[in-house]
């Protein structure tokens, strides 16, 4: 007989909910582009005794005693992070991507400074100047976007970016997005920044794992090896496949400012259990197998994109270079909105998120698009063949309103998932 866990005995309700979530993750398709499956080693470190230790400050500069061991842990995480991203400096303490961005802003800006960042409805993030977010409340954000018409429809509009940077004499240019399916080269951004005397922050939250795998250019450097972005922020739980958290890498001259901004600027005690898990994830990402994984993520996304277009969907920018695709539902079905599509797919065991598309006539609560990612499914071992099958299942779900048909497709989804278990179910 299997022995009950301590949690099952002490708190059966929470234990039951965790088991329910395990079943959900294992029996449904995880296509949310910002999600992935962490390894069992990462999860073990996250749940370790390091959660008990307070460690305000930095290695060898703490405000509490008893940090001899966590100093080693955090130093190791820093060293591995620097190696992974070829970075002169790294801070591994940010609790989340929003904290990392806020820390970078505190280090580089003064309240009221003007910042140029991507429009939220065209791929940007809340921390890129939303009026309901700290970024939009404390700094003056100006937004650039994508091209509205051919050539290169829905690709980043560098001409617009340069024009706005010059017009507003911005202090910082923020690059990177949560829903942009193309590689952003840092070289032209660096040229524009130098022209107006601005700094460059690259928000690599979504593509950090692709950078680590060598399938996306490292934004810290230009193609010629010169200084690219001044600062790169990223989360550790998306394509990097680590624990929920974030980190910052930068050039050496900005290190002290960033450290001071994170602590004592905006955070107190670091989460050393999460930092240990980040160290584990960085080590995993340094292995040759991770390069194979990153290449597979992109190959799967490209195959997925082609299959979706074959099913009658239009994709923003016409395809993808990264781990995600952004679907415009209007050509497939003018009356089908993103919220309805997301809910219907969820009932079929296909987990994704509605998303605004560029120049979307619908609100962000409804949307005309879906964002779909391949990172998590690639972690389970799915390949190009499975991506084509998933595109067919998505099309079948969105062509019907029959709950009987949706239930039938959910059964097919469960059968597919059974052959590709997530890491927490593997021996």
Protein backbone atom coordinates (compact mmCIF):
# COMPACT_ATOMS: atom_id res chain seq x y z
CA UNK A 1 0.00 0.00 0.00
CA UNK A 2 1.26 3.47 -0.91
CA UNK A 3 2.15 5.49 2.16
CA UNK A 4 0.19 8.69 2.73
CA UNK A 5 2.12 11.95 2.55
CA UNK A 6 2.28 14.30 5.53
CA UNK A 7 0.15 16.78 3.58
CA UNK A 8 -2.53 14.18 2.93
CA UNK A 9 -2.77 13.52 6.65
CA UNK A 10 -2.54 17.09 7.94
CA UNK A 11 -4.49 18.93 5.24
CA UNK A 12 -6.45 16.55 3.02
CA UNK A 13 -8.29 19.42 1.29
CA UNK A 14 -5.14 21.08 -0.06
CA UNK A 15 -3.67 17.68 -0.84
CA UNK A 16 -6.76 16.79 -2.85
CA UNK A 17 -6.59 20.04 -4.82
CA UNK A 18 -2.93 19.42 -5.66
CA UNK A 19 -3.77 15.93 -6.88
CA UNK A 20 -6.59 17.38 -8.99
CA UNK A 21 -4.17 19.83 -10.57
CA UNK A 22 -1.71 17.01 -11.27
CA UNK A 23 -4.45 15.18 -13.14
CA UNK A 24 -5.45 18.33 -15.05
CA UNK A 25 -1.87 19.05 -16.13
CA UNK A 26 -1.23 15.45 -17.15
CA UNK A 27 -4.47 14.86 -19.07
CA UNK A 28 -4.84 18.16 -20.94
CA UNK A 29 -2.74 20.04 -23.48
CA UNK A 30 -0.82 22.96 -21.98
CA UNK A 31 -0.55 25.57 -24.74
CA UNK A 32 -0.24 28.73 -22.63
CA UNK A 33 2.97 30.29 -23.94
CA UNK A 34 4.08 31.52 -20.51
CA UNK A 35 3.84 28.08 -18.87
CA UNK A 36 6.12 25.06 -18.79
CA UNK A 37 6.84 21.94 -16.76
CA UNK A 38 9.67 22.25 -14.24
CA UNK A 39 11.86 19.21 -13.64
CA UNK A 40 11.47 17.12 -10.48
CA UNK A 41 14.85 18.44 -9.33
CA UNK A 42 13.64 22.04 -9.65
CA UNK A 43 10.47 21.19 -7.75
CA UNK A 44 12.44 19.44 -5.02
CA UNK A 45 14.67 22.47 -4.50
CA UNK A 46 11.62 24.74 -4.41
CA UNK A 47 10.15 22.68 -1.58
CA UNK A 48 13.37 22.45 0.42
CA UNK A 49 14.35 23.63 3.93
CA UNK A 50 15.81 26.78 2.36
CA UNK A 51 12.30 28.22 2.61
CA UNK A 52 12.95 28.58 6.37
CA UNK A 53 15.89 30.99 6.08
CA UNK A 54 15.79 34.78 6.14
CA UNK A 55 18.64 36.27 4.12
CA UNK A 56 18.14 39.99 3.56
CA UNK A 57 21.06 41.41 1.63
CA UNK A 58 23.50 39.62 -0.66
CA UNK A 59 26.10 36.87 -0.23
CA UNK A 60 28.61 37.88 2.47
CA UNK A 61 26.58 41.07 3.07
CA UNK A 62 23.55 39.84 5.03
CA UNK A 63 21.58 41.47 7.83
CA UNK A 64 20.99 38.16 9.63
CA UNK A 65 23.24 35.42 10.94
CA UNK A 66 23.31 31.81 9.87
CA UNK A 67 23.63 32.45 6.13
CA UNK A 68 26.77 30.41 5.53
CA UNK A 69 24.91 27.86 3.42
CA UNK A 70 22.47 30.12 1.56
CA UNK A 71 25.40 32.36 0.61
CA UNK A 72 26.85 29.35 -1.22
CA UNK A 73 23.49 28.64 -2.87
CA UNK A 74 22.95 32.18 -4.11
CA UNK A 75 26.57 32.58 -5.25
CA UNK A 76 26.23 29.38 -7.26
CA UNK A 77 23.01 30.63 -8.85
CA UNK A 78 24.69 33.92 -9.78
CA UNK A 79 27.71 32.18 -11.29
CA UNK A 80 25.58 29.80 -13.33
CA UNK A 81 23.31 32.62 -14.52
CA UNK A 82 26.28 34.70 -15.66
CA UNK A 83 27.75 31.73 -17.51
CA UNK A 84 24.46 30.83 -19.15
CA UNK A 85 23.88 34.32 -20.55
CA UNK A 86 27.54 35.34 -20.96
CA UNK A 87 26.73 38.20 -18.58
CA UNK A 88 29.21 40.33 -16.63
CA UNK A 89 26.61 40.79 -13.85
CA UNK A 90 23.56 38.91 -12.55
CA UNK A 91 21.01 39.40 -9.78
CA UNK A 92 18.91 36.30 -9.07
CA UNK A 93 16.68 37.69 -6.31
CA UNK A 94 13.62 39.11 -8.15
CA UNK A 95 10.50 37.26 -7.08
CA UNK A 96 8.79 37.75 -10.46
CA UNK A 97 9.21 39.35 -13.85
CA UNK A 98 7.32 42.45 -12.73
CA UNK A 99 9.77 42.85 -9.83
CA UNK A 100 12.71 42.47 -12.19
CA UNK A 101 11.34 45.18 -14.47
CA UNK A 102 10.57 47.47 -11.55
CA UNK A 103 14.08 46.96 -10.19
CA UNK A 104 15.56 47.83 -13.58
CA UNK A 105 13.45 50.98 -13.79
CA UNK A 106 14.49 52.03 -10.29
CA UNK A 107 18.12 51.50 -11.23
CA UNK A 108 17.99 53.36 -14.53
CA UNK A 109 15.32 56.03 -14.15
CA UNK A 110 13.92 58.81 -11.99
CA UNK A 111 10.16 59.24 -11.47
CA UNK A 112 8.62 61.03 -14.43
CA UNK A 113 11.31 60.01 -16.93
CA UNK A 114 10.12 59.20 -20.45
CA UNK A 115 10.29 55.59 -21.58
CA UNK A 116 9.52 54.04 -24.97
CA UNK A 117 7.96 50.56 -24.95
CA UNK A 118 5.73 48.30 -27.04
CA UNK A 119 1.98 48.88 -27.00
CA UNK A 120 0.15 46.52 -24.71
CA UNK A 121 -2.47 45.66 -27.35
CA UNK A 122 0.28 44.77 -29.81
CA UNK A 123 2.35 42.48 -27.63
CA UNK A 124 3.70 44.55 -24.74
CA UNK A 125 3.38 43.77 -21.03
CA UNK A 126 1.59 45.50 -18.15
CA UNK A 127 4.98 46.63 -16.82
CA UNK A 128 5.65 48.37 -20.13
CA UNK A 129 3.54 51.37 -19.20
CA UNK A 130 -0.02 50.30 -18.45
CA UNK A 131 -1.84 53.14 -16.62
CA UNK A 132 -3.09 50.63 -14.02
CA UNK A 133 0.45 49.38 -13.35
CA UNK A 134 3.27 51.00 -11.32
CA UNK A 135 5.19 51.54 -14.57
CA UNK A 136 2.53 53.79 -16.07
CA UNK A 137 1.93 55.58 -12.78
CA UNK A 138 5.53 56.53 -12.00
CA UNK A 139 7.02 57.02 -15.45
CA UNK A 140 5.97 58.70 -18.69
CA UNK A 141 5.58 55.90 -21.23
CA UNK A 142 5.31 56.41 -24.97
CA UNK A 143 4.29 53.40 -27.05
CA UNK A 144 5.53 52.03 -30.36
CA UNK A 145 3.94 49.18 -32.25
CA UNK A 146 3.87 47.01 -35.35
CA UNK A 147 3.30 47.83 -39.00
CA UNK A 148 -0.36 48.13 -39.96
CA UNK A 149 0.09 47.45 -43.66
CA UNK A 150 2.42 45.63 -46.03
CA UNK A 151 5.32 45.21 -46.41
CA UNK A 152 6.05 43.28 -43.24
CA UNK A 153 2.55 43.64 -41.84
CA UNK A 154 2.43 43.19 -38.04
CA UNK A 155 6.23 43.14 -37.74
CA UNK A 156 7.93 45.59 -35.39
CA UNK A 157 7.86 49.10 -36.88
CA UNK A 158 11.45 50.31 -36.39
CA UNK A 159 10.79 53.51 -38.32
CA UNK A 160 8.04 54.42 -35.88
CA UNK A 161 10.23 53.45 -32.94
CA UNK A 162 13.05 55.73 -34.12
CA UNK A 163 10.70 58.62 -34.84
CA UNK A 164 9.15 58.44 -31.36
CA UNK A 165 12.53 58.07 -29.65
CA UNK A 166 13.80 61.24 -31.34
CA UNK A 167 10.56 63.17 -30.85
CA UNK A 168 10.30 62.44 -27.13
CA UNK A 169 14.05 62.25 -26.35
CA UNK A 170 13.41 59.15 -24.30
CA UNK A 171 15.72 58.05 -21.50
CA UNK A 172 15.03 54.32 -21.89
CA UNK A 173 13.86 52.05 -24.71
CA UNK A 174 12.17 48.83 -23.56
CA UNK A 175 12.23 45.92 -26.02
CA UNK A 176 10.54 42.56 -25.68
CA UNK A 177 6.94 41.40 -25.50
CA UNK A 178 4.53 38.77 -24.25
CA UNK A 179 2.72 38.22 -27.55
CA UNK A 180 5.09 38.93 -30.44
CA UNK A 181 6.04 35.91 -32.57
CA UNK A 182 9.21 37.23 -34.20
CA UNK A 183 12.85 37.65 -33.19
CA UNK A 184 13.72 41.21 -32.17
CA UNK A 185 17.29 42.08 -33.14
CA UNK A 186 18.96 44.40 -30.64
CA UNK A 187 21.35 46.00 -33.18
CA UNK A 188 18.96 48.60 -34.67
CA UNK A 189 17.54 49.34 -31.21
CA UNK A 190 21.06 50.05 -29.91
CA UNK A 191 21.70 52.40 -32.83
CA UNK A 192 18.51 54.34 -32.14
CA UNK A 193 19.27 54.49 -28.41
CA UNK A 194 22.76 55.84 -29.06
CA UNK A 195 21.32 58.44 -31.42
CA UNK A 196 19.09 59.88 -28.67
CA UNK A 197 21.27 59.12 -25.65
CA UNK A 198 18.96 56.46 -24.23
CA UNK A 199 19.59 53.15 -22.51
CA UNK A 200 18.10 49.81 -23.62
CA UNK A 201 16.23 47.30 -21.46
CA UNK A 202 15.38 43.99 -23.10
CA UNK A 203 12.52 42.15 -21.40
CA UNK A 204 13.34 38.54 -22.27
CA UNK A 205 10.72 36.96 -20.03
CA UNK A 206 9.33 34.82 -22.85
CA UNK A 207 12.50 34.04 -24.77
CA UNK A 208 15.09 33.53 -22.01
CA UNK A 209 15.14 29.77 -22.57
CA UNK A 210 15.54 30.24 -26.31
CA UNK A 211 18.48 32.58 -25.66
CA UNK A 212 20.03 30.03 -23.30
CA UNK A 213 19.56 27.34 -25.96
CA UNK A 214 21.25 29.46 -28.62
CA UNK A 215 18.19 29.67 -30.91
CA UNK A 216 17.54 33.36 -30.19
CA UNK A 217 20.29 36.02 -30.25
CA UNK A 218 21.62 37.13 -26.85
CA UNK A 219 20.35 40.73 -26.51
CA UNK A 220 23.23 41.74 -24.21
CA UNK A 221 25.37 41.92 -27.35
CA UNK A 222 25.05 43.04 -30.94
CA UNK A 223 25.84 40.66 -33.77
CA UNK A 224 29.39 42.08 -33.82
CA UNK A 225 29.84 41.44 -30.10
CA UNK A 226 29.47 45.04 -28.98
CA UNK A 227 27.23 46.20 -26.13
CA UNK A 228 23.61 45.61 -27.03
CA UNK A 229 20.99 45.99 -24.33
CA UNK A 230 22.26 47.59 -21.14
CA UNK A 231 20.00 45.40 -19.00
CA UNK A 232 18.12 42.16 -19.69
CA UNK A 233 15.30 41.03 -17.39
CA UNK A 234 13.69 37.61 -17.61
CA UNK A 235 11.51 35.12 -15.81
CA UNK A 236 12.80 31.65 -14.99
CA UNK A 237 9.58 29.68 -15.42
CA UNK A 238 8.63 30.05 -19.10
CA UNK A 239 10.91 28.77 -21.85
CA UNK A 240 13.75 28.49 -19.30
CA UNK A 241 11.76 25.74 -17.56
CA UNK A 242 12.73 26.67 -14.00
CA UNK A 243 10.82 27.74 -10.88
CA UNK A 244 8.48 30.71 -10.77
CA UNK A 245 10.75 33.71 -10.37
CA UNK A 246 13.01 36.08 -12.29
CA UNK A 247 16.52 37.40 -12.69
CA UNK A 248 18.41 40.34 -14.17
CA UNK A 249 21.63 40.28 -16.18
CA UNK A 250 23.51 43.41 -17.18
CA UNK A 251 26.84 44.98 -17.95
CA UNK A 252 29.19 45.44 -15.01
CA UNK A 253 28.85 49.23 -14.70
CA UNK A 254 25.17 48.87 -13.78
CA UNK A 255 25.54 46.06 -11.24
CA UNK A 256 25.63 48.10 -8.04
CA UNK A 257 22.64 50.18 -9.12
CA UNK A 258 20.60 47.08 -9.87
CA UNK A 259 21.53 45.34 -6.60
CA UNK A 260 20.53 48.44 -4.65
CA UNK A 261 17.25 48.74 -6.54
CA UNK A 262 16.23 45.14 -5.81
CA UNK A 263 17.33 45.27 -2.16
CA UNK A 264 16.61 47.45 -0.27
CA UNK A 265 14.79 49.25 -3.08
CA UNK A 266 11.76 47.06 -3.58
CA UNK A 267 12.18 43.63 -1.94
CA UNK A 268 13.03 42.36 1.50
CA UNK A 269 14.24 38.85 2.18
CA UNK A 270 15.01 36.83 -0.95
CA UNK A 271 13.32 33.48 -1.52
CA UNK A 272 16.37 31.28 -1.15
CA UNK A 273 14.43 28.08 -1.89
CA UNK A 274 13.43 29.60 -5.22
CA UNK A 275 16.99 30.81 -5.82
CA UNK A 276 18.24 27.26 -5.25
CA UNK A 277 15.70 26.04 -7.81
CA UNK A 278 16.92 28.73 -10.21
CA UNK A 279 20.45 27.40 -9.77
CA UNK A 280 19.20 23.92 -10.66
CA UNK A 281 17.40 25.27 -13.74
CA UNK A 282 20.48 27.21 -14.88
CA UNK A 283 22.55 24.01 -14.62
CA UNK A 284 19.95 22.13 -16.65
CA UNK A 285 19.98 24.88 -19.27
CA UNK A 286 23.78 24.67 -19.51
CA UNK A 287 23.57 21.02 -20.58
CA UNK A 288 23.77 20.13 -24.30
CA UNK A 289 20.30 18.56 -24.09
CA UNK A 290 18.78 21.96 -23.44
CA UNK A 291 20.05 23.23 -26.79
CA UNK A 292 18.22 20.33 -28.40
CA UNK A 293 15.12 21.23 -26.40
CA UNK A 294 15.21 24.89 -27.49
CA UNK A 295 15.61 23.92 -31.13
CA UNK A 296 12.69 21.50 -30.79
CA UNK A 297 10.48 24.20 -29.24
CA UNK A 298 11.01 26.46 -32.25
CA UNK A 299 10.67 23.61 -34.77
CA UNK A 300 7.41 22.57 -33.13
CA UNK A 301 6.12 26.15 -33.18
CA UNK A 302 6.89 26.51 -36.88
CA UNK A 303 5.18 23.20 -37.70
CA UNK A 304 2.25 24.18 -35.49
CA UNK A 305 1.98 27.52 -37.32
CA UNK A 306 1.93 25.85 -40.73
CA UNK A 307 -0.68 23.32 -39.60
CA UNK A 308 -2.92 26.03 -38.15
CA UNK A 309 -2.75 28.00 -41.39
CA UNK A 310 -3.63 24.84 -43.30
CA UNK A 311 -6.72 24.59 -41.06
CA UNK A 312 -7.84 28.08 -42.14
CA UNK A 313 -6.45 30.26 -39.35
CA UNK A 314 -4.62 33.52 -40.06
CA UNK A 315 -1.51 34.08 -37.94
CA UNK A 316 -0.24 37.47 -36.85
CA UNK A 317 2.88 38.37 -38.88
CA UNK A 318 2.28 35.28 -41.00
CA UNK A 319 4.10 32.79 -38.78
CA UNK A 320 6.63 32.56 -35.96
CA UNK A 321 10.34 32.53 -35.13
CA UNK A 322 9.91 31.65 -31.47
CA UNK A 323 7.83 29.44 -29.16
CA UNK A 324 4.43 31.00 -29.73
CA UNK A 325 1.88 31.78 -32.40
CA UNK A 326 -0.78 34.47 -32.26
CA UNK A 327 -4.00 33.49 -34.03
CA UNK A 328 -6.44 35.96 -35.60
CA UNK A 329 -9.79 34.16 -35.35
CA UNK A 330 -11.71 36.52 -37.65
CA UNK A 331 -10.83 34.84 -40.96
CA UNK A 332 -11.67 31.42 -39.49
CA UNK A 333 -15.02 32.59 -38.08
CA UNK A 334 -15.93 36.31 -37.96
CA UNK A 335 -18.35 35.72 -35.09
CA UNK A 336 -15.93 33.72 -32.93
CA UNK A 337 -14.16 35.80 -30.30
CA UNK A 338 -11.15 34.87 -28.17
CA UNK A 339 -13.04 34.42 -24.91
CA UNK A 340 -15.54 32.03 -26.47
CA UNK A 341 -12.77 30.09 -28.22
CA UNK A 342 -10.70 29.82 -25.02
CA UNK A 343 -13.65 28.52 -23.02
CA UNK A 344 -14.64 26.00 -25.68
CA UNK A 345 -11.09 24.71 -26.00
CA UNK A 346 -10.82 24.44 -22.23
CA UNK A 347 -13.84 22.14 -22.19
CA UNK A 348 -12.03 20.00 -24.75
CA UNK A 349 -8.92 19.77 -22.58
CA UNK A 350 -6.89 22.28 -24.62
CA UNK A 351 -5.56 25.01 -22.35
CA UNK A 352 -4.64 28.34 -23.93
CA UNK A 353 -5.41 32.03 -23.47
CA UNK A 354 -7.36 34.62 -25.39
CA UNK A 355 -5.22 37.50 -26.54
CA UNK A 356 -5.66 40.82 -28.27
CA UNK A 357 -4.20 41.05 -31.74
CA UNK A 358 -2.77 44.23 -33.28
CA UNK A 359 -5.51 46.77 -34.06
CA UNK A 360 -8.06 44.52 -32.37
CA UNK A 361 -11.61 45.91 -32.52
CA UNK A 362 -12.61 43.87 -29.47
CA UNK A 363 -11.78 44.64 -25.83
CA UNK A 364 -8.94 42.89 -23.94
CA UNK A 365 -11.58 40.97 -21.99
CA UNK A 366 -13.05 39.52 -25.18
CA UNK A 367 -10.34 39.78 -27.90
CA UNK A 368 -10.18 38.51 -31.46
CA UNK A 369 -7.21 36.22 -30.95
CA UNK A 370 -5.61 33.28 -29.20
CA UNK A 371 -2.02 32.91 -28.00
CA UNK A 372 -0.64 29.37 -28.29
CA UNK A 373 2.78 28.13 -27.19
CA UNK A 374 4.82 24.94 -27.67
CA UNK A 375 7.29 25.05 -24.73
CA UNK A 376 5.38 22.84 -22.29
CA UNK A 377 4.29 20.26 -24.84
CA UNK A 378 7.85 20.02 -26.16
CA UNK A 379 8.99 19.29 -22.60
CA UNK A 380 6.68 16.26 -22.56
CA UNK A 381 8.36 14.94 -25.70
CA UNK A 382 5.80 15.92 -28.31
CA UNK A 383 7.17 16.65 -31.76
CA UNK A 384 6.15 17.97 -35.15
CA UNK A 385 3.66 15.16 -35.75
CA UNK A 386 1.84 15.84 -32.51
CA UNK A 387 1.77 19.58 -33.23
CA UNK A 388 -0.04 18.89 -36.49
CA UNK A 389 -2.51 16.70 -34.63
CA UNK A 390 -3.10 19.41 -32.01
CA UNK A 391 -3.80 21.97 -34.76
CA UNK A 392 -6.40 19.58 -36.20
CA UNK A 393 -8.01 19.12 -32.77
CA UNK A 394 -8.17 22.90 -32.21
CA UNK A 395 -9.83 23.35 -35.59
CA UNK A 396 -12.34 20.60 -34.84
CA UNK A 397 -13.29 22.15 -31.49
CA UNK A 398 -13.75 25.62 -32.93
CA UNK A 399 -15.89 24.34 -35.79
CA UNK A 400 -18.52 22.89 -33.47
CA UNK A 401 -20.79 23.97 -30.64
CA UNK A 402 -21.91 20.41 -29.88
CA UNK A 403 -20.99 19.48 -26.31
CA UNK A 404 -21.11 15.82 -27.30
CA UNK A 405 -18.53 16.46 -30.03
CA UNK A 406 -16.38 18.52 -27.65
CA UNK A 407 -16.46 15.69 -25.10
CA UNK A 408 -15.38 13.26 -27.81
CA UNK A 409 -12.42 15.48 -28.69
CA UNK A 410 -11.50 15.76 -25.01
CA UNK A 411 -11.18 11.99 -24.99
CA UNK A 412 -8.80 12.15 -27.96
CA UNK A 413 -6.80 14.83 -26.14
CA UNK A 414 -6.51 12.65 -23.04
CA UNK A 415 -5.35 9.71 -25.17
CA UNK A 416 -2.67 11.90 -26.78
CA UNK A 417 -1.48 13.22 -23.42
CA UNK A 418 -1.24 9.71 -21.95
CA UNK A 419 1.67 8.97 -24.26
CA UNK A 420 3.55 12.11 -23.23
CA UNK A 421 3.52 12.46 -19.42
CA UNK A 422 4.93 15.59 -17.77
CA UNK A 423 8.20 15.31 -15.76
CA UNK A 424 6.48 14.99 -12.37
CA UNK A 425 4.99 11.65 -13.46
CA UNK A 426 8.20 10.15 -14.79
CA UNK A 427 10.37 7.75 -12.82
